């Protein structure tokens, strides 16, 4: 839970920076990177359960 709090704080700071400096190109980069990170973590955690099915 402590890690999640830091991630949310980091995302909040990035969006505030983009808003303040009008750097709108940063928002899609951050969202795509975050999405790829979630897919990697989800793929690594589900692999052991898939192997037990076969």
PDB file of N, CA and C in Angstrom:
ATOM      1  N   UNK A   1       0.818  -1.188   0.000  1.00  0.00           N
ATOM      2  CA  UNK A   1       0.000   0.000   0.000  1.00  0.00           C
ATOM      3  C   UNK A   1       0.867   1.259   0.000  1.00  0.00           C
ATOM      4  N   UNK A   2       2.009   1.169   0.665  1.00  0.00           N
ATOM      5  CA  UNK A   2       2.919   2.300   0.736  1.00  0.00           C
ATOM      6  C   UNK A   2       3.475   2.612  -0.651  1.00  0.00           C
ATOM      7  N   UNK A   3       3.779   1.563  -1.435  1.00  0.00           N
ATOM      8  CA  UNK A   3       4.293   1.722  -2.795  1.00  0.00           C
ATOM      9  C   UNK A   3       3.257   2.398  -3.691  1.00  0.00           C
ATOM     10  N   UNK A   4       2.010   1.975  -3.556  1.00  0.00           N
ATOM     11  CA  UNK A   4       0.932   2.542  -4.367  1.00  0.00           C
ATOM     12  C   UNK A   4       0.758   4.036  -4.089  1.00  0.00           C
ATOM     13  N   UNK A   5       0.933   4.421  -2.852  1.00  0.00           N
ATOM     14  CA  UNK A   5       0.828   5.831  -2.479  1.00  0.00           C
ATOM     15  C   UNK A   5       1.908   6.655  -3.182  1.00  0.00           C
ATOM     16  N   UNK A   6       3.115   6.108  -3.285  1.00  0.00           N
ATOM     17  CA  UNK A   6       4.199   6.810  -3.962  1.00  0.00           C
ATOM     18  C   UNK A   6       3.964   6.881  -5.470  1.00  0.00           C
ATOM     19  N   UNK A   7       3.422   5.827  -6.046  1.00  0.00           N
ATOM     20  CA  UNK A   7       3.137   5.820  -7.485  1.00  0.00           C
ATOM     21  C   UNK A   7       2.078   6.870  -7.816  1.00  0.00           C
ATOM     22  N   UNK A   8       1.034   6.932  -7.015  1.00  0.00           N
ATOM     23  CA  UNK A   8      -0.018   7.924  -7.234  1.00  0.00           C
ATOM     24  C   UNK A   8       0.542   9.334  -7.080  1.00  0.00           C
ATOM     25  N   UNK A   9       1.396   9.533  -6.101  1.00  0.00           N
ATOM     26  CA  UNK A   9       2.016  10.841  -5.891  1.00  0.00           C
ATOM     27  C   UNK A   9       2.898  11.222  -7.085  1.00  0.00           C
ATOM     28  N   UNK A  10       3.640  10.263  -7.618  1.00  0.00           N
ATOM     29  CA  UNK A  10       4.497  10.519  -8.773  1.00  0.00           C
ATOM     30  C   UNK A  10       3.667  10.888  -9.999  1.00  0.00           C
ATOM     31  N   UNK A  11       2.596  10.140 -10.252  1.00  0.00           N
ATOM     32  CA  UNK A  11       1.724  10.450 -11.384  1.00  0.00           C
ATOM     33  C   UNK A  11       1.089  11.832 -11.243  1.00  0.00           C
ATOM     34  N   UNK A  12       0.704  12.169 -10.019  1.00  0.00           N
ATOM     35  CA  UNK A  12       0.112  13.481  -9.756  1.00  0.00           C
ATOM     36  C   UNK A  12       1.111  14.595 -10.073  1.00  0.00           C
ATOM     37  N   UNK A  13       2.367  14.412  -9.681  1.00  0.00           N
ATOM     38  CA  UNK A  13       3.390  15.421  -9.947  1.00  0.00           C
ATOM     39  C   UNK A  13       3.667  15.558 -11.433  1.00  0.00           C
ATOM     40  N   UNK A  14       3.674  14.446 -12.159  1.00  0.00           N
ATOM     41  CA  UNK A  14       3.910  14.500 -13.603  1.00  0.00           C
ATOM     42  C   UNK A  14       2.790  15.263 -14.297  1.00  0.00           C
ATOM     43  N   UNK A  15       1.529  14.980 -13.921  1.00  0.00           N
ATOM     44  CA  UNK A  15       0.410  15.684 -14.533  1.00  0.00           C
ATOM     45  C   UNK A  15       0.409  17.166 -14.171  1.00  0.00           C
ATOM     46  N   UNK A  16       0.803  17.501 -12.948  1.00  0.00           N
ATOM     47  CA  UNK A  16       0.895  18.913 -12.567  1.00  0.00           C
ATOM     48  C   UNK A  16       1.985  19.624 -13.366  1.00  0.00           C
ATOM     49  N   UNK A  17       3.109  18.929 -13.575  1.00  0.00           N
ATOM     50  CA  UNK A  17       4.189  19.503 -14.384  1.00  0.00           C
ATOM     51  C   UNK A  17       3.718  19.747 -15.813  1.00  0.00           C
ATOM     52  N   UNK A  18       3.028  18.753 -16.393  1.00  0.00           N
ATOM     53  CA  UNK A  18       2.537  18.892 -17.767  1.00  0.00           C
ATOM     54  C   UNK A  18       1.535  20.032 -17.868  1.00  0.00           C
ATOM     55  N   UNK A  19       0.680  20.167 -16.889  1.00  0.00           N
ATOM     56  CA  UNK A  19      -0.331  21.218 -16.893  1.00  0.00           C
ATOM     57  C   UNK A  19       0.317  22.603 -16.772  1.00  0.00           C
ATOM     58  N   UNK A  20       1.288  22.710 -15.860  1.00  0.00           N
ATOM     59  CA  UNK A  20       1.928  24.000 -15.594  1.00  0.00           C
ATOM     60  C   UNK A  20       2.771  24.464 -16.787  1.00  0.00           C
ATOM     61  N   UNK A  21       3.524  23.555 -17.393  1.00  0.00           N
ATOM     62  CA  UNK A  21       4.435  23.908 -18.480  1.00  0.00           C
ATOM     63  C   UNK A  21       3.836  23.706 -19.865  1.00  0.00           C
ATOM     64  N   UNK A  22       2.559  23.336 -19.921  1.00  0.00           N
ATOM     65  CA  UNK A  22       1.856  23.105 -21.181  1.00  0.00           C
ATOM     66  C   UNK A  22       2.583  22.074 -22.048  1.00  0.00           C
ATOM     67  N   UNK A  23       3.126  21.063 -21.408  1.00  0.00           N
ATOM     68  CA  UNK A  23       3.828  19.978 -22.101  1.00  0.00           C
ATOM     69  C   UNK A  23       2.863  18.806 -22.249  1.00  0.00           C
ATOM     70  N   UNK A  24       1.932  18.944 -23.172  1.00  0.00           N
ATOM     71  CA  UNK A  24       0.866  17.945 -23.313  1.00  0.00           C
ATOM     72  C   UNK A  24       1.371  16.621 -23.856  1.00  0.00           C
ATOM     73  N   UNK A  25       2.526  16.593 -24.506  1.00  0.00           N
ATOM     74  CA  UNK A  25       3.066  15.359 -25.055  1.00  0.00           C
ATOM     75  C   UNK A  25       3.501  14.389 -23.958  1.00  0.00           C
ATOM     76  N   UNK A  26       3.702  14.882 -22.750  1.00  0.00           N
ATOM     77  CA  UNK A  26       4.153  14.019 -21.656  1.00  0.00           C
ATOM     78  C   UNK A  26       3.036  13.076 -21.199  1.00  0.00           C
ATOM     79  N   UNK A  27       1.799  13.530 -21.249  1.00  0.00           N
ATOM     80  CA  UNK A  27       0.684  12.733 -20.722  1.00  0.00           C
ATOM     81  C   UNK A  27       0.519  11.404 -21.458  1.00  0.00           C
ATOM     82  N   UNK A  28       0.485  11.357 -22.806  1.00  0.00           N
ATOM     83  CA  UNK A  28       0.369  10.052 -23.466  1.00  0.00           C
ATOM     84  C   UNK A  28       1.576   9.146 -23.223  1.00  0.00           C
ATOM     85  N   UNK A  29       2.764   9.742 -23.134  1.00  0.00           N
ATOM     86  CA  UNK A  29       3.970   8.944 -22.881  1.00  0.00           C
ATOM     87  C   UNK A  29       3.868   8.264 -21.523  1.00  0.00           C
ATOM     88  N   UNK A  30       3.448   9.003 -20.518  1.00  0.00           N
ATOM     89  CA  UNK A  30       3.322   8.455 -19.167  1.00  0.00           C
ATOM     90  C   UNK A  30       2.231   7.386 -19.119  1.00  0.00           C
ATOM     91  N   UNK A  31       1.095   7.645 -19.756  1.00  0.00           N
ATOM     92  CA  UNK A  31      -0.003   6.679 -19.734  1.00  0.00           C
ATOM     93  C   UNK A  31       0.363   5.379 -20.446  1.00  0.00           C
ATOM     94  N   UNK A  32       1.031   5.474 -21.591  1.00  0.00           N
ATOM     95  CA  UNK A  32       1.443   4.262 -22.312  1.00  0.00           C
ATOM     96  C   UNK A  32       2.497   3.501 -21.507  1.00  0.00           C
ATOM     97  N   UNK A  33       3.453   4.208 -20.944  1.00  0.00           N
ATOM     98  CA  UNK A  33       4.478   3.543 -20.127  1.00  0.00           C
ATOM     99  C   UNK A  33       3.860   2.849 -18.914  1.00  0.00           C
ATOM    100  N   UNK A  34       2.916   3.514 -18.272  1.00  0.00           N
ATOM    101  CA  UNK A  34       2.239   2.929 -17.114  1.00  0.00           C
ATOM    102  C   UNK A  34       1.439   1.697 -17.528  1.00  0.00           C
ATOM    103  N   UNK A  35       0.760   1.768 -18.666  1.00  0.00           N
ATOM    104  CA  UNK A  35      -0.014   0.631 -19.161  1.00  0.00           C
ATOM    105  C   UNK A  35       0.864  -0.559 -19.497  1.00  0.00           C
ATOM    106  N   UNK A  36       2.010  -0.319 -20.139  1.00  0.00           N
ATOM    107  CA  UNK A  36       2.931  -1.404 -20.455  1.00  0.00           C
ATOM    108  C   UNK A  36       3.483  -2.014 -19.173  1.00  0.00           C
ATOM    109  N   UNK A  37       3.767  -1.189 -18.194  1.00  0.00           N
ATOM    110  CA  UNK A  37       4.252  -1.702 -16.914  1.00  0.00           C
ATOM    111  C   UNK A  37       3.229  -2.595 -16.234  1.00  0.00           C
ATOM    112  N   UNK A  38       1.963  -2.199 -16.293  1.00  0.00           N
ATOM    113  CA  UNK A  38       0.903  -3.015 -15.698  1.00  0.00           C
ATOM    114  C   UNK A  38       0.785  -4.354 -16.429  1.00  0.00           C
ATOM    115  N   UNK A  39       0.880  -4.329 -17.764  1.00  0.00           N
ATOM    116  CA  UNK A  39       0.815  -5.576 -18.537  1.00  0.00           C
ATOM    117  C   UNK A  39       1.979  -6.506 -18.212  1.00  0.00           C
ATOM    118  N   UNK A  40       3.157  -5.956 -18.022  1.00  0.00           N
ATOM    119  CA  UNK A  40       4.321  -6.780 -17.677  1.00  0.00           C
ATOM    120  C   UNK A  40       4.136  -7.418 -16.312  1.00  0.00           C
ATOM    121  N   UNK A  41       3.704  -6.641 -15.341  1.00  0.00           N
ATOM    122  CA  UNK A  41       3.496  -7.181 -13.991  1.00  0.00           C
ATOM    123  C   UNK A  41       2.392  -8.223 -14.002  1.00  0.00           C
ATOM    124  N   UNK A  42       1.301  -7.963 -14.720  1.00  0.00           N
ATOM    125  CA  UNK A  42       0.192  -8.922 -14.785  1.00  0.00           C
ATOM    126  C   UNK A  42       0.627 -10.202 -15.485  1.00  0.00           C
ATOM    127  N   UNK A  43       1.450 -10.097 -16.509  1.00  0.00           N
ATOM    128  CA  UNK A  43       1.937 -11.279 -17.217  1.00  0.00           C
ATOM    129  C   UNK A  43       2.863 -12.133 -16.373  1.00  0.00           C
ATOM    130  N   UNK A  44       3.691 -11.497 -15.575  1.00  0.00           N
ATOM    131  CA  UNK A  44       4.614 -12.246 -14.724  1.00  0.00           C
ATOM    132  C   UNK A  44       3.894 -12.947 -13.577  1.00  0.00           C
ATOM    133  N   UNK A  45       2.860 -12.338 -13.056  1.00  0.00           N
ATOM    134  CA  UNK A  45       2.184 -12.932 -11.906  1.00  0.00           C
ATOM    135  C   UNK A  45       1.222 -14.039 -12.315  1.00  0.00           C
ATOM    136  N   UNK A  46       0.732 -14.023 -13.553  1.00  0.00           N
ATOM    137  CA  UNK A  46      -0.238 -15.045 -13.962  1.00  0.00           C
ATOM    138  C   UNK A  46       0.434 -16.280 -14.552  1.00  0.00           C
ATOM    139  N   UNK A  47       1.702 -16.201 -14.919  1.00  0.00           N
ATOM    140  CA  UNK A  47       2.377 -17.322 -15.568  1.00  0.00           C
ATOM    141  C   UNK A  47       2.405 -18.594 -14.719  1.00  0.00           C
ATOM    142  N   UNK A  48       2.717 -18.560 -13.433  1.00  0.00           N
ATOM    143  CA  UNK A  48       2.736 -19.814 -12.667  1.00  0.00           C
ATOM    144  C   UNK A  48       1.363 -20.503 -12.610  1.00  0.00           C
ATOM    145  N   UNK A  49       0.308 -19.758 -12.624  1.00  0.00           N
ATOM    146  CA  UNK A  49      -1.023 -20.358 -12.570  1.00  0.00           C
ATOM    147  C   UNK A  49      -1.395 -21.002 -13.900  1.00  0.00           C
ATOM    148  N   UNK A  50      -0.908 -20.449 -15.003  1.00  0.00           N
ATOM    149  CA  UNK A  50      -1.191 -21.032 -16.313  1.00  0.00           C
ATOM    150  C   UNK A  50      -0.491 -22.386 -16.444  1.00  0.00           C
ATOM    151  N   UNK A  51       0.726 -22.497 -15.934  1.00  0.00           N
ATOM    152  CA  UNK A  51       1.467 -23.746 -16.054  1.00  0.00           C
ATOM    153  C   UNK A  51       0.789 -24.881 -15.289  1.00  0.00           C
ATOM    154  N   UNK A  52       0.134 -24.568 -14.189  1.00  0.00           N
ATOM    155  CA  UNK A  52      -0.529 -25.622 -13.426  1.00  0.00           C
ATOM    156  C   UNK A  52      -1.768 -26.150 -14.122  1.00  0.00           C
ATOM    157  N   UNK A  53      -2.363 -25.367 -15.044  1.00  0.00           N
ATOM    158  CA  UNK A  53      -3.530 -25.827 -15.771  1.00  0.00           C
ATOM    159  C   UNK A  53      -3.172 -26.855 -16.834  1.00  0.00           C
ATOM    160  N   UNK A  54      -1.978 -26.799 -17.358  1.00  0.00           N
ATOM    161  CA  UNK A  54      -1.569 -27.731 -18.404  1.00  0.00           C
ATOM    162  C   UNK A  54      -0.671 -28.757 -17.802  1.00  0.00           C
TER     163      UNK A  54
END
